[in-house]
Amino acid sequence: MNLRMGSQIFRDVQIPLLWGKRAVIQDKKNRLSVIDLSQDIAKLEIVGDEPAPGIAFEPSFSGFKILKEGSPLYLYDPTEKRLESISLNLPECQITPFEIRIGNSRFSGNSIVGFGVGLAVTPDNISLGAPVPHGLAELRI
């Protein structure tokens, strides 16, 4: 996949941003989609800035919370393009036209070419250009 996310350019990258075990992608209208890859079968949680059909969520002041078994996992603010972990133990991510912010780190004007994952975020670190982690569900779009 070749695309621009924030001011980053991703060429031949399958997942531009891997936030824990969730793939975050952006369409040409700058809407975000989030795909849970933690199970054998990938599951859409957010499609085009909206909760995916059949996904458990609850509205919040700034957007909506994605739920699992009634407990909130993370908050998504579609206006700010911001993902905030509630129980995933991940740093906050925000995608603007000028940068991608992960916690206090800012990425602007980078080109990432030929990796399975462009930016990989875990509770402990951020990787720029990484292979698709072993054992993740296959991403089919």
N, C-alpha and C. Protein backbone atom coordinates (compact mmCIF):
# COMPACT_ATOMS: atom_id res chain seq x y z
N MET A 1 0.85 -1.16 0.00
CA MET A 1 0.00 0.00 0.00
C MET A 1 0.91 1.23 0.00
N ASN A 2 0.57 2.21 -0.78
CA ASN A 2 1.29 3.48 -0.82
C ASN A 2 0.32 4.57 -0.38
N LEU A 3 0.71 5.34 0.64
CA LEU A 3 -0.18 6.40 1.10
C LEU A 3 0.57 7.43 1.90
N ARG A 4 -0.12 8.50 2.17
CA ARG A 4 0.39 9.56 3.03
C ARG A 4 -0.50 9.58 4.27
N MET A 5 0.12 9.67 5.44
CA MET A 5 -0.61 9.78 6.70
C MET A 5 0.08 10.87 7.49
N GLY A 6 -0.64 11.92 7.84
CA GLY A 6 0.02 13.09 8.40
C GLY A 6 0.97 13.61 7.33
N SER A 7 2.19 13.91 7.70
CA SER A 7 3.17 14.32 6.68
C SER A 7 4.12 13.18 6.33
N GLN A 8 3.78 11.96 6.79
CA GLN A 8 4.60 10.78 6.49
C GLN A 8 4.20 10.22 5.14
N ILE A 9 5.15 9.69 4.42
CA ILE A 9 4.89 9.00 3.17
C ILE A 9 5.25 7.54 3.37
N PHE A 10 4.28 6.65 3.14
CA PHE A 10 4.48 5.22 3.28
C PHE A 10 4.40 4.58 1.90
N ARG A 11 5.47 3.90 1.50
CA ARG A 11 5.49 3.21 0.21
C ARG A 11 5.74 1.73 0.46
N ASP A 12 4.91 0.90 -0.16
CA ASP A 12 5.04 -0.54 -0.03
C ASP A 12 5.01 -0.95 1.45
N VAL A 13 4.04 -0.43 2.18
CA VAL A 13 3.86 -0.71 3.60
C VAL A 13 2.46 -1.31 3.77
N GLN A 14 2.36 -2.44 4.48
CA GLN A 14 1.06 -3.06 4.69
C GLN A 14 0.24 -2.34 5.76
N ILE A 15 0.88 -1.94 6.85
CA ILE A 15 0.20 -1.27 7.95
C ILE A 15 0.96 0.01 8.26
N PRO A 16 0.40 1.18 7.96
CA PRO A 16 1.15 2.41 8.23
C PRO A 16 1.42 2.64 9.71
N LEU A 17 0.44 2.36 10.57
CA LEU A 17 0.61 2.55 12.01
C LEU A 17 0.04 1.35 12.73
N LEU A 18 0.87 0.68 13.50
CA LEU A 18 0.43 -0.43 14.34
C LEU A 18 0.44 0.06 15.77
N TRP A 19 -0.74 0.27 16.33
CA TRP A 19 -0.91 0.79 17.69
C TRP A 19 -1.24 -0.40 18.58
N GLY A 20 -0.22 -0.95 19.22
CA GLY A 20 -0.40 -2.21 19.94
C GLY A 20 -0.68 -3.29 18.92
N LYS A 21 -1.82 -3.92 19.00
CA LYS A 21 -2.23 -4.95 18.03
C LYS A 21 -3.37 -4.45 17.14
N ARG A 22 -3.39 -3.14 16.93
CA ARG A 22 -4.41 -2.54 16.08
C ARG A 22 -3.76 -1.78 14.93
N ALA A 23 -4.20 -2.11 13.72
CA ALA A 23 -3.74 -1.40 12.54
C ALA A 23 -4.57 -0.14 12.39
N VAL A 24 -3.89 0.98 12.17
CA VAL A 24 -4.56 2.26 11.96
C VAL A 24 -4.24 2.70 10.54
N ILE A 25 -5.28 2.93 9.76
CA ILE A 25 -5.09 3.39 8.38
C ILE A 25 -5.93 4.64 8.15
N GLN A 26 -5.56 5.38 7.13
CA GLN A 26 -6.26 6.63 6.83
C GLN A 26 -6.61 6.63 5.35
N ASP A 27 -7.85 7.04 5.03
CA ASP A 27 -8.25 7.09 3.63
C ASP A 27 -7.92 8.45 3.02
N LYS A 28 -8.26 8.62 1.76
CA LYS A 28 -7.92 9.87 1.05
C LYS A 28 -8.68 11.08 1.56
N LYS A 29 -9.75 10.85 2.33
CA LYS A 29 -10.50 11.96 2.94
C LYS A 29 -10.03 12.20 4.37
N ASN A 30 -8.90 11.60 4.75
CA ASN A 30 -8.27 11.74 6.07
C ASN A 30 -9.08 11.11 7.20
N ARG A 31 -10.02 10.22 6.88
CA ARG A 31 -10.76 9.51 7.91
C ARG A 31 -9.95 8.30 8.36
N LEU A 32 -9.96 8.02 9.66
CA LEU A 32 -9.21 6.88 10.19
C LEU A 32 -10.09 5.65 10.31
N SER A 33 -9.46 4.50 10.14
CA SER A 33 -10.08 3.21 10.42
C SER A 33 -9.11 2.44 11.31
N VAL A 34 -9.67 1.64 12.22
CA VAL A 34 -8.86 0.85 13.15
C VAL A 34 -9.31 -0.60 13.03
N ILE A 35 -8.32 -1.49 12.90
CA ILE A 35 -8.59 -2.91 12.74
C ILE A 35 -7.88 -3.67 13.85
N ASP A 36 -8.64 -4.42 14.64
CA ASP A 36 -8.09 -5.23 15.72
C ASP A 36 -7.49 -6.50 15.11
N LEU A 37 -6.18 -6.68 15.28
CA LEU A 37 -5.48 -7.83 14.74
C LEU A 37 -5.07 -8.81 15.83
N SER A 38 -5.66 -8.71 17.01
CA SER A 38 -5.23 -9.53 18.13
C SER A 38 -5.77 -10.95 18.09
N GLN A 39 -6.75 -11.22 17.28
CA GLN A 39 -7.34 -12.55 17.17
C GLN A 39 -6.94 -13.19 15.84
N ASP A 40 -7.38 -14.41 15.60
CA ASP A 40 -7.07 -15.09 14.34
C ASP A 40 -7.70 -14.39 13.15
N ILE A 41 -8.86 -13.78 13.37
CA ILE A 41 -9.57 -13.07 12.31
C ILE A 41 -9.57 -11.58 12.65
N ALA A 42 -9.10 -10.76 11.72
CA ALA A 42 -9.07 -9.32 11.92
C ALA A 42 -10.50 -8.80 12.08
N LYS A 43 -10.68 -7.80 12.95
CA LYS A 43 -12.02 -7.27 13.22
C LYS A 43 -11.98 -5.75 13.12
N LEU A 44 -12.82 -5.19 12.26
CA LEU A 44 -12.93 -3.74 12.16
C LEU A 44 -13.57 -3.18 13.41
N GLU A 45 -12.95 -2.15 13.98
CA GLU A 45 -13.53 -1.47 15.13
C GLU A 45 -14.01 -0.07 14.75
N ILE A 46 -13.26 0.59 13.90
CA ILE A 46 -13.62 1.93 13.43
C ILE A 46 -13.46 1.93 11.92
N VAL A 47 -14.46 2.48 11.22
CA VAL A 47 -14.40 2.60 9.76
C VAL A 47 -14.75 4.03 9.39
N GLY A 48 -13.81 4.73 8.77
CA GLY A 48 -14.07 6.09 8.32
C GLY A 48 -14.52 7.02 9.42
N ASP A 49 -13.85 6.99 10.57
CA ASP A 49 -14.14 7.85 11.73
C ASP A 49 -15.42 7.50 12.47
N GLU A 50 -16.03 6.36 12.18
CA GLU A 50 -17.26 5.94 12.85
C GLU A 50 -17.08 4.54 13.42
N PRO A 51 -17.81 4.20 14.49
CA PRO A 51 -17.75 2.81 14.98
C PRO A 51 -18.17 1.85 13.86
N ALA A 52 -17.46 0.75 13.73
CA ALA A 52 -17.79 -0.24 12.71
C ALA A 52 -19.13 -0.89 13.05
N PRO A 53 -19.86 -1.35 12.03
CA PRO A 53 -21.13 -2.03 12.30
C PRO A 53 -20.91 -3.23 13.23
N GLY A 54 -21.77 -3.33 14.25
CA GLY A 54 -21.72 -4.47 15.16
C GLY A 54 -20.69 -4.36 16.27
N ILE A 55 -19.94 -3.26 16.31
CA ILE A 55 -18.92 -3.11 17.36
C ILE A 55 -19.54 -2.43 18.57
N ALA A 56 -19.16 -2.87 19.76
CA ALA A 56 -19.68 -2.26 20.99
C ALA A 56 -18.95 -0.95 21.25
N PHE A 57 -19.71 0.11 21.48
CA PHE A 57 -19.13 1.42 21.75
C PHE A 57 -20.08 2.23 22.60
N GLU A 58 -19.54 3.31 23.18
CA GLU A 58 -20.40 4.26 23.88
C GLU A 58 -19.92 5.67 23.54
N PRO A 59 -20.85 6.59 23.34
CA PRO A 59 -20.47 7.98 23.04
C PRO A 59 -19.73 8.59 24.22
N SER A 60 -18.85 9.52 23.93
CA SER A 60 -18.18 10.30 24.98
C SER A 60 -18.22 11.76 24.55
N PHE A 61 -17.77 12.63 25.41
CA PHE A 61 -17.81 14.06 25.12
C PHE A 61 -17.06 14.40 23.84
N SER A 62 -15.91 13.77 23.62
CA SER A 62 -15.07 14.13 22.47
C SER A 62 -15.12 13.12 21.33
N GLY A 63 -15.92 12.08 21.44
CA GLY A 63 -15.98 11.08 20.37
C GLY A 63 -16.73 9.86 20.84
N PHE A 64 -16.02 8.71 20.88
CA PHE A 64 -16.65 7.49 21.36
C PHE A 64 -15.58 6.54 21.88
N LYS A 65 -16.03 5.64 22.78
CA LYS A 65 -15.15 4.64 23.37
C LYS A 65 -15.48 3.29 22.75
N ILE A 66 -14.45 2.55 22.36
CA ILE A 66 -14.62 1.19 21.88
C ILE A 66 -14.60 0.28 23.10
N LEU A 67 -15.58 -0.62 23.18
CA LEU A 67 -15.75 -1.48 24.34
C LEU A 67 -15.47 -2.94 23.99
N LYS A 68 -15.04 -3.69 24.99
CA LYS A 68 -14.94 -5.14 24.88
C LYS A 68 -15.54 -5.71 26.15
N GLU A 69 -16.58 -6.51 25.99
CA GLU A 69 -17.29 -7.11 27.11
C GLU A 69 -17.73 -6.04 28.11
N GLY A 70 -18.17 -4.89 27.60
CA GLY A 70 -18.69 -3.81 28.42
C GLY A 70 -17.64 -2.87 29.01
N SER A 71 -16.37 -3.22 28.89
CA SER A 71 -15.30 -2.37 29.43
C SER A 71 -14.65 -1.56 28.32
N PRO A 72 -14.37 -0.29 28.56
CA PRO A 72 -13.76 0.54 27.52
C PRO A 72 -12.29 0.17 27.29
N LEU A 73 -11.93 0.05 26.01
CA LEU A 73 -10.54 -0.22 25.61
C LEU A 73 -9.80 1.07 25.29
N TYR A 74 -10.44 1.90 24.47
CA TYR A 74 -9.82 3.17 24.06
C TYR A 74 -10.87 4.15 23.60
N LEU A 75 -10.48 5.41 23.61
CA LEU A 75 -11.31 6.51 23.16
C LEU A 75 -10.81 6.95 21.79
N TYR A 76 -11.72 7.24 20.88
CA TYR A 76 -11.34 7.83 19.60
C TYR A 76 -12.06 9.16 19.45
N ASP A 77 -11.29 10.20 19.18
CA ASP A 77 -11.81 11.54 18.93
C ASP A 77 -11.67 11.80 17.42
N PRO A 78 -12.75 11.70 16.64
CA PRO A 78 -12.65 11.85 15.19
C PRO A 78 -12.31 13.26 14.74
N THR A 79 -12.64 14.26 15.53
CA THR A 79 -12.30 15.64 15.17
C THR A 79 -10.80 15.87 15.26
N GLU A 80 -10.19 15.38 16.33
CA GLU A 80 -8.76 15.55 16.55
C GLU A 80 -7.93 14.41 15.96
N LYS A 81 -8.59 13.36 15.45
CA LYS A 81 -7.90 12.16 14.94
C LYS A 81 -6.96 11.62 16.01
N ARG A 82 -7.52 11.43 17.21
CA ARG A 82 -6.72 11.05 18.38
C ARG A 82 -7.24 9.76 18.98
N LEU A 83 -6.32 8.82 19.23
CA LEU A 83 -6.60 7.56 19.92
C LEU A 83 -5.99 7.64 21.32
N GLU A 84 -6.82 7.42 22.32
CA GLU A 84 -6.35 7.48 23.70
C GLU A 84 -6.66 6.15 24.39
N SER A 85 -5.64 5.47 24.84
CA SER A 85 -5.80 4.19 25.51
C SER A 85 -6.49 4.37 26.85
N ILE A 86 -7.44 3.50 27.13
CA ILE A 86 -8.06 3.47 28.45
C ILE A 86 -7.55 2.24 29.21
N SER A 87 -7.55 1.08 28.56
CA SER A 87 -7.06 -0.13 29.23
C SER A 87 -6.02 -0.89 28.40
N LEU A 88 -5.57 -0.32 27.30
CA LEU A 88 -4.59 -1.01 26.44
C LEU A 88 -3.14 -0.73 26.82
N ASN A 89 -2.92 0.21 27.72
CA ASN A 89 -1.57 0.56 28.18
C ASN A 89 -0.68 1.04 27.03
N LEU A 90 -1.23 1.85 26.15
CA LEU A 90 -0.49 2.38 25.00
C LEU A 90 -0.45 3.91 25.07
N PRO A 91 0.59 4.52 24.50
CA PRO A 91 0.61 5.99 24.48
C PRO A 91 -0.46 6.53 23.53
N GLU A 92 -0.91 7.73 23.81
CA GLU A 92 -1.88 8.41 22.95
C GLU A 92 -1.27 8.63 21.57
N CYS A 93 -2.10 8.50 20.53
CA CYS A 93 -1.67 8.77 19.15
C CYS A 93 -2.59 9.80 18.53
N GLN A 94 -2.00 10.70 17.77
CA GLN A 94 -2.79 11.70 17.05
C GLN A 94 -2.18 11.88 15.67
N ILE A 95 -3.06 11.94 14.67
CA ILE A 95 -2.61 12.11 13.29
C ILE A 95 -3.16 13.43 12.78
N THR A 96 -2.26 14.35 12.46
CA THR A 96 -2.65 15.65 11.92
C THR A 96 -2.10 15.75 10.50
N PRO A 97 -2.50 16.77 9.73
CA PRO A 97 -1.94 16.92 8.39
C PRO A 97 -0.42 17.16 8.39
N PHE A 98 0.13 17.55 9.54
CA PHE A 98 1.54 17.93 9.59
C PHE A 98 2.44 16.93 10.30
N GLU A 99 1.84 16.04 11.11
CA GLU A 99 2.67 15.11 11.87
C GLU A 99 1.84 13.97 12.42
N ILE A 100 2.55 12.96 12.90
CA ILE A 100 1.95 11.91 13.71
C ILE A 100 2.58 12.05 15.09
N ARG A 101 1.73 12.19 16.11
CA ARG A 101 2.22 12.32 17.47
C ARG A 101 1.90 11.04 18.22
N ILE A 102 2.92 10.48 18.85
CA ILE A 102 2.76 9.28 19.68
C ILE A 102 3.33 9.64 21.05
N GLY A 103 2.44 9.81 22.03
CA GLY A 103 2.88 10.29 23.33
C GLY A 103 3.51 11.66 23.16
N ASN A 104 4.76 11.82 23.60
CA ASN A 104 5.47 13.09 23.44
C ASN A 104 6.35 13.12 22.19
N SER A 105 6.39 12.03 21.44
CA SER A 105 7.21 11.97 20.23
C SER A 105 6.42 12.44 19.02
N ARG A 106 7.08 13.19 18.16
CA ARG A 106 6.42 13.73 16.97
C ARG A 106 7.22 13.29 15.74
N PHE A 107 6.48 12.81 14.72
CA PHE A 107 7.09 12.37 13.48
C PHE A 107 6.54 13.25 12.36
N SER A 108 7.45 13.90 11.65
CA SER A 108 7.03 14.83 10.60
C SER A 108 7.98 14.73 9.42
N GLY A 109 7.41 14.56 8.23
CA GLY A 109 8.21 14.58 7.01
C GLY A 109 9.06 13.36 6.78
N ASN A 110 8.72 12.22 7.36
CA ASN A 110 9.49 11.00 7.17
C ASN A 110 8.96 10.21 5.99
N SER A 111 9.83 9.47 5.33
CA SER A 111 9.44 8.50 4.32
C SER A 111 9.79 7.12 4.83
N ILE A 112 8.84 6.21 4.76
CA ILE A 112 9.06 4.84 5.21
C ILE A 112 8.74 3.94 4.04
N VAL A 113 9.73 3.16 3.61
CA VAL A 113 9.60 2.38 2.38
C VAL A 113 9.94 0.92 2.64
N GLY A 114 9.07 0.03 2.15
CA GLY A 114 9.38 -1.38 2.09
C GLY A 114 9.34 -2.16 3.39
N PHE A 115 8.57 -1.74 4.35
CA PHE A 115 8.42 -2.48 5.60
C PHE A 115 6.98 -2.95 5.72
N GLY A 116 6.75 -4.00 6.48
CA GLY A 116 5.39 -4.45 6.74
C GLY A 116 4.61 -3.43 7.53
N VAL A 117 5.29 -2.79 8.50
CA VAL A 117 4.66 -1.78 9.36
C VAL A 117 5.49 -0.50 9.28
N GLY A 118 4.82 0.64 9.10
CA GLY A 118 5.52 1.92 9.06
C GLY A 118 5.97 2.36 10.44
N LEU A 119 5.03 2.58 11.35
CA LEU A 119 5.32 2.92 12.74
C LEU A 119 4.66 1.86 13.62
N ALA A 120 5.44 1.28 14.53
CA ALA A 120 4.91 0.28 15.45
C ALA A 120 5.02 0.82 16.87
N VAL A 121 3.88 0.87 17.55
CA VAL A 121 3.81 1.42 18.90
C VAL A 121 3.47 0.30 19.87
N THR A 122 4.28 0.17 20.91
CA THR A 122 4.01 -0.78 21.99
C THR A 122 3.96 0.02 23.29
N PRO A 123 3.59 -0.62 24.40
CA PRO A 123 3.61 0.12 25.66
C PRO A 123 5.00 0.65 26.02
N ASP A 124 6.05 0.02 25.49
CA ASP A 124 7.42 0.37 25.88
C ASP A 124 8.22 1.15 24.86
N ASN A 125 7.84 1.08 23.57
CA ASN A 125 8.67 1.77 22.57
C ASN A 125 7.91 2.09 21.29
N ILE A 126 8.60 2.80 20.40
CA ILE A 126 8.10 3.15 19.07
C ILE A 126 9.18 2.73 18.08
N SER A 127 8.77 2.00 17.05
CA SER A 127 9.70 1.59 16.00
C SER A 127 9.33 2.27 14.70
N LEU A 128 10.32 2.74 14.00
CA LEU A 128 10.12 3.35 12.69
C LEU A 128 10.54 2.32 11.65
N GLY A 129 9.59 1.76 10.91
CA GLY A 129 9.86 0.71 9.96
C GLY A 129 10.08 -0.60 10.67
N ALA A 130 9.11 -1.49 10.62
CA ALA A 130 9.21 -2.77 11.33
C ALA A 130 8.53 -3.86 10.50
N PRO A 131 8.92 -5.12 10.72
CA PRO A 131 8.21 -6.20 10.04
C PRO A 131 6.83 -6.40 10.67
N VAL A 132 5.93 -7.02 9.92
CA VAL A 132 4.63 -7.37 10.49
C VAL A 132 4.90 -8.40 11.59
N PRO A 133 4.46 -8.15 12.81
CA PRO A 133 4.74 -9.07 13.92
C PRO A 133 4.17 -10.46 13.66
N HIS A 134 4.92 -11.47 14.05
CA HIS A 134 4.50 -12.85 13.89
C HIS A 134 3.23 -13.10 14.70
N GLY A 135 2.32 -13.84 14.12
CA GLY A 135 1.13 -14.23 14.84
C GLY A 135 -0.04 -13.29 14.73
N LEU A 136 0.13 -12.14 14.07
CA LEU A 136 -1.02 -11.25 13.90
C LEU A 136 -1.93 -11.78 12.80
N ALA A 137 -3.20 -11.48 12.93
CA ALA A 137 -4.16 -11.86 11.90
C ALA A 137 -3.76 -11.24 10.57
N GLU A 138 -4.02 -11.94 9.50
CA GLU A 138 -3.72 -11.40 8.18
C GLU A 138 -4.66 -10.24 7.87
N LEU A 139 -4.11 -9.15 7.37
CA LEU A 139 -4.90 -7.98 7.04
C LEU A 139 -5.35 -8.09 5.60
N ARG A 140 -6.66 -8.09 5.39
CA ARG A 140 -7.22 -8.17 4.05
C ARG A 140 -8.13 -6.97 3.84
N ILE A 141 -7.83 -6.17 2.84
CA ILE A 141 -8.66 -5.00 2.56
C ILE A 141 -9.22 -5.12 1.16
